[in-house]
């Protein structure tokens, strides 16, 4: 579903990461962890083609993004979903229109089909009663659910989630994790997740990889990962030194 081969990224002359090798298989969930500022979000964006890698090769569904035509790249990218850390909702559109946007732009469905799918998903997200609210009227947890819903409403084969529980209280964070797990079970997508929450990782990830000082290493099975981000990085990356 996703393959990175010796991928590197430089921005403004600064190396963010290099020699990144990573794969995500069908229906597999991989969590990407690392300290703040390590480049996790940038790696996620390079992996899905939102920003071009400086070196190496990125494969989506077996196709090298650097070797395909613009039209084919568009077709490949339309098979992924991306849930942003800050939700990235359109603040001038209500909840309904935010969810409907991918169906209009990607699937190009007719209005009746769009309405049916949007209302069905809003119910699953627990947002049916807020369907006409604007983003400014939504809580942080509700925005996260809308962002997740918009990312999966077109039924992608591969979902990228950038810290979906950041800034949320434990109860809301747990509900978001449960929702991702439920949607993944239903839609059978693969998942590449950025998170430093061990409870989220244990619930969602089959395996965990660690990004530290521009390098990537396997950290272990998701259910076995236990860490406190501010106290145990040195222990986890001891092999790097």
Foldseek 3Di string as FASTA:
>chain_A
DKWWAQFWADDPNRTLATRDTDDFDFLAEEEEEEAPSSCPVVVLCCQLVVDPTPDTFMDQPRDTLVPDDPVVSLVRSLQFFEQDPQLPFDQVAFLLCSQLVSCCVRVVDDPVVSVVLSCVLCVLLVNNVRRGPGPVPDDPLSSLSSSVSSRCSVLHQEYEYEASCPPHDPVSSVVVLVSVVVVCVVSRHYYYYYHPDLVSQLSGHQFYWYRDPNYIDTQGGSVPDDDDRVPCPCVSCVVVD
